[in-house]
């Protein structure tokens, strides 16, 4: 299963920019050409917004993603939405804490397909972070580990990639339908 639009596809994009408290939306592009004649599902598309790399952007990004999913009528289970919101919080927090000096602005992109939803956060810092196995004494260092585990548990995928401008984008894609899980063995049930 592919998590994201094919590079050759054109896509609908809504850009949300914050300037002086105002929100401007601009829609451009068109739907992917390989869609059946019935057209795309109403909730499919790609939306991108930018925000300053400051603490206040973390709850704003969460709220923007939650409102976008609800407004578009994305048929995601509550667990999937909560997982996506936690992933967005972790990724935006990482930019604010570790990349803000070289990247005063960050971008959040939400891409929704018929069977998946992908969130990505982009910054201009060249360092590509790794998920650390944090020990009990540390107060931080678990964000990317948490993103990886949420994604794995949902049956999705996540990765970090370099951008053409020298920065990076970290993304996670989750299926809209919950992953088929096998019951966990519980020794106390015997």
Protein backbone atom coordinates (compact mmCIF):
# COMPACT_ATOMS: atom_id res chain seq x y z
CA UNK A 1 0.00 0.00 0.00
CA UNK A 2 1.36 3.42 -0.91
CA UNK A 3 1.10 6.12 1.76
CA UNK A 4 0.80 9.35 -0.15
CA UNK A 5 0.17 10.74 -3.58
CA UNK A 6 2.28 9.55 -6.47
CA UNK A 7 4.83 12.19 -7.48
CA UNK A 8 3.26 12.48 -10.94
CA UNK A 9 -0.19 13.27 -9.59
CA UNK A 10 -1.59 16.73 -9.35
CA UNK A 11 -3.47 17.33 -6.15
CA UNK A 12 -5.77 19.71 -4.39
CA UNK A 13 -3.90 21.74 -1.79
CA UNK A 14 -5.19 24.22 0.72
CA UNK A 15 -2.55 26.48 2.21
CA UNK A 16 -3.35 28.04 5.56
CA UNK A 17 -1.01 30.84 6.55
CA UNK A 18 -1.05 32.78 9.79
CA UNK A 19 -0.20 36.45 9.51
CA UNK A 20 -1.11 38.82 12.30
CA UNK A 21 -3.79 36.48 13.58
CA UNK A 22 -5.59 36.26 10.22
CA UNK A 23 -6.06 32.97 8.41
CA UNK A 24 -5.85 32.97 4.65
CA UNK A 25 -6.87 29.94 2.64
CA UNK A 26 -6.00 29.34 -0.94
CA UNK A 27 -7.04 26.29 -2.93
CA UNK A 28 -5.30 25.29 -6.12
CA UNK A 29 -4.49 22.27 -8.20
CA UNK A 30 -6.87 19.50 -9.17
CA UNK A 31 -7.67 15.96 -8.16
CA UNK A 32 -5.39 13.02 -8.98
CA UNK A 33 -5.77 11.90 -12.63
CA UNK A 34 -5.89 8.15 -11.87
CA UNK A 35 -9.18 8.44 -9.96
CA UNK A 36 -12.24 6.65 -11.40
CA UNK A 37 -14.68 8.85 -13.31
CA UNK A 38 -16.81 9.21 -10.18
CA UNK A 39 -14.08 11.54 -8.89
CA UNK A 40 -12.25 11.62 -5.60
CA UNK A 41 -13.91 10.97 -2.33
CA UNK A 42 -15.00 14.24 -0.73
CA UNK A 43 -12.41 14.02 2.03
CA UNK A 44 -9.36 13.32 -0.18
CA UNK A 45 -6.73 16.00 -0.68
CA UNK A 46 -3.57 17.60 0.62
CA UNK A 47 -3.55 20.58 2.97
CA UNK A 48 -0.50 22.49 4.19
CA UNK A 49 -0.11 25.26 6.73
CA UNK A 50 2.82 27.11 8.17
CA UNK A 51 3.44 28.38 11.67
CA UNK A 52 6.27 30.00 13.60
CA UNK A 53 8.57 27.61 15.47
CA UNK A 54 7.30 28.65 18.92
CA UNK A 55 5.58 26.81 21.77
CA UNK A 56 2.15 28.26 20.92
CA UNK A 57 2.26 26.50 17.54
CA UNK A 58 1.98 23.04 19.14
CA UNK A 59 -1.66 23.33 20.29
CA UNK A 60 -2.49 25.43 17.20
CA UNK A 61 -1.21 22.66 14.91
CA UNK A 62 -3.18 20.02 16.83
CA UNK A 63 -6.34 22.09 16.64
CA UNK A 64 -5.86 22.84 12.93
CA UNK A 65 -5.42 19.14 12.10
CA UNK A 66 -8.39 18.09 14.25
CA UNK A 67 -10.62 20.75 12.65
CA UNK A 68 -9.44 19.86 9.16
CA UNK A 69 -10.22 16.14 9.62
CA UNK A 70 -13.67 16.98 11.03
CA UNK A 71 -14.46 19.62 8.36
CA UNK A 72 -13.48 17.27 5.53
CA UNK A 73 -15.46 14.39 7.05
CA UNK A 74 -12.46 12.04 7.07
CA UNK A 75 -13.79 8.61 8.16
CA UNK A 76 -11.09 7.92 10.73
CA UNK A 77 -11.66 6.04 13.98
CA UNK A 78 -11.26 8.05 17.19
CA UNK A 79 -8.09 6.10 18.01
CA UNK A 80 -6.61 7.03 14.63
CA UNK A 81 -7.45 10.71 15.08
CA UNK A 82 -6.01 10.74 18.62
CA UNK A 83 -2.86 9.02 17.35
CA UNK A 84 -2.48 11.56 14.54
CA UNK A 85 -2.93 14.47 16.95
CA UNK A 86 -0.31 13.06 19.30
CA UNK A 87 2.07 12.57 16.36
CA UNK A 88 1.52 16.17 15.22
CA UNK A 89 2.17 17.41 18.77
CA UNK A 90 5.39 15.43 19.06
CA UNK A 91 6.74 16.43 15.65
CA UNK A 92 5.92 20.14 16.05
CA UNK A 93 7.39 20.09 19.58
CA UNK A 94 10.60 18.61 18.17
CA UNK A 95 10.91 21.48 15.68
CA UNK A 96 10.23 24.07 18.40
CA UNK A 97 12.78 22.53 20.79
CA UNK A 98 15.53 21.44 18.42
CA UNK A 99 15.26 23.28 15.09
CA UNK A 100 13.81 26.74 15.78
CA UNK A 101 17.17 28.51 15.67
CA UNK A 102 17.78 27.48 12.04
CA UNK A 103 14.11 27.15 11.13
CA UNK A 104 11.97 30.02 12.44
CA UNK A 105 8.98 28.64 10.49
CA UNK A 106 7.64 25.10 10.22
CA UNK A 107 5.13 23.52 7.87
CA UNK A 108 2.52 20.89 8.65
CA UNK A 109 1.00 18.91 5.81
CA UNK A 110 -2.02 16.62 6.01
CA UNK A 111 -2.61 14.29 3.06
CA UNK A 112 -5.72 12.13 2.97
CA UNK A 113 -6.28 9.28 0.54
CA UNK A 114 -9.11 6.81 0.22
CA UNK A 115 -7.49 4.41 2.71
CA UNK A 116 -4.87 6.41 4.66
CA UNK A 117 -4.05 9.74 6.26
CA UNK A 118 -0.52 11.13 6.43
CA UNK A 119 0.78 14.00 8.54
CA UNK A 120 4.20 15.50 8.03
CA UNK A 121 6.15 18.31 9.63
CA UNK A 122 8.89 20.11 7.72
CA UNK A 123 11.64 22.42 8.95
CA UNK A 124 14.84 23.90 7.54
CA UNK A 125 17.24 22.32 10.03
CA UNK A 126 19.58 19.79 8.35
CA UNK A 127 19.89 17.37 11.29
CA UNK A 128 17.90 14.17 10.82
CA UNK A 129 16.83 12.92 14.27
CA UNK A 130 16.62 9.30 15.36
CA UNK A 131 14.21 7.69 17.78
CA UNK A 132 16.11 7.13 21.02
CA UNK A 133 15.51 4.44 23.58
CA UNK A 134 15.36 6.81 26.54
CA UNK A 135 16.22 5.51 29.98
CA UNK A 136 14.00 6.01 33.01
CA UNK A 137 16.07 8.93 34.33
CA UNK A 138 15.68 11.11 31.25
CA UNK A 139 12.84 13.60 31.00
CA UNK A 140 12.92 13.80 27.20
CA UNK A 141 14.00 11.89 24.14
CA UNK A 142 10.92 9.75 23.73
CA UNK A 143 8.97 11.76 21.14
CA UNK A 144 10.12 9.99 17.98
CA UNK A 145 9.98 6.65 19.77
CA UNK A 146 6.35 7.40 20.61
CA UNK A 147 5.63 8.41 16.99
CA UNK A 148 7.19 5.18 15.74
CA UNK A 149 5.20 3.03 18.19
CA UNK A 150 1.85 4.73 17.51
CA UNK A 151 2.46 4.30 13.78
CA UNK A 152 3.53 0.65 14.10
CA UNK A 153 0.58 -0.23 16.31
CA UNK A 154 -1.85 1.31 13.81
CA UNK A 155 -0.29 -0.61 10.90
CA UNK A 156 1.15 2.51 9.28
CA UNK A 157 4.56 3.80 8.27
CA UNK A 158 6.81 6.70 9.26
CA UNK A 159 10.12 8.11 8.10
CA UNK A 160 12.34 11.19 7.92
CA UNK A 161 13.56 12.57 4.60
CA UNK A 162 15.81 15.40 3.50
CA UNK A 163 14.27 18.24 1.51
CA UNK A 164 15.74 19.89 -1.57
CA UNK A 165 16.35 23.05 0.49
CA UNK A 166 18.57 21.15 2.96
CA UNK A 167 15.99 20.74 5.71
CA UNK A 168 13.93 17.70 6.59
CA UNK A 169 10.40 16.40 6.64
CA UNK A 170 9.25 13.80 9.13
CA UNK A 171 6.01 12.02 8.27
CA UNK A 172 3.71 9.33 9.58
CA UNK A 173 0.90 7.65 7.65
CA UNK A 174 -1.90 5.70 9.30
CA UNK A 175 -4.60 3.59 7.67
CA UNK A 176 -8.13 4.95 8.01
CA UNK A 177 -9.38 1.48 8.85
CA UNK A 178 -7.89 0.00 12.04
CA UNK A 179 -5.19 -2.60 11.52
CA UNK A 180 -6.23 -6.20 12.07
CA UNK A 181 -4.67 -7.22 15.36
CA UNK A 182 -4.37 -10.58 16.95
CA UNK A 183 -5.51 -10.89 20.55
CA UNK A 184 -2.67 -10.64 23.02
CA UNK A 185 -1.99 -13.67 25.10
CA UNK A 186 -2.99 -13.07 28.69
CA UNK A 187 -1.54 -15.68 31.08
CA UNK A 188 -3.94 -14.61 33.84
CA UNK A 189 -6.89 -15.74 31.68
CA UNK A 190 -5.92 -19.40 32.24
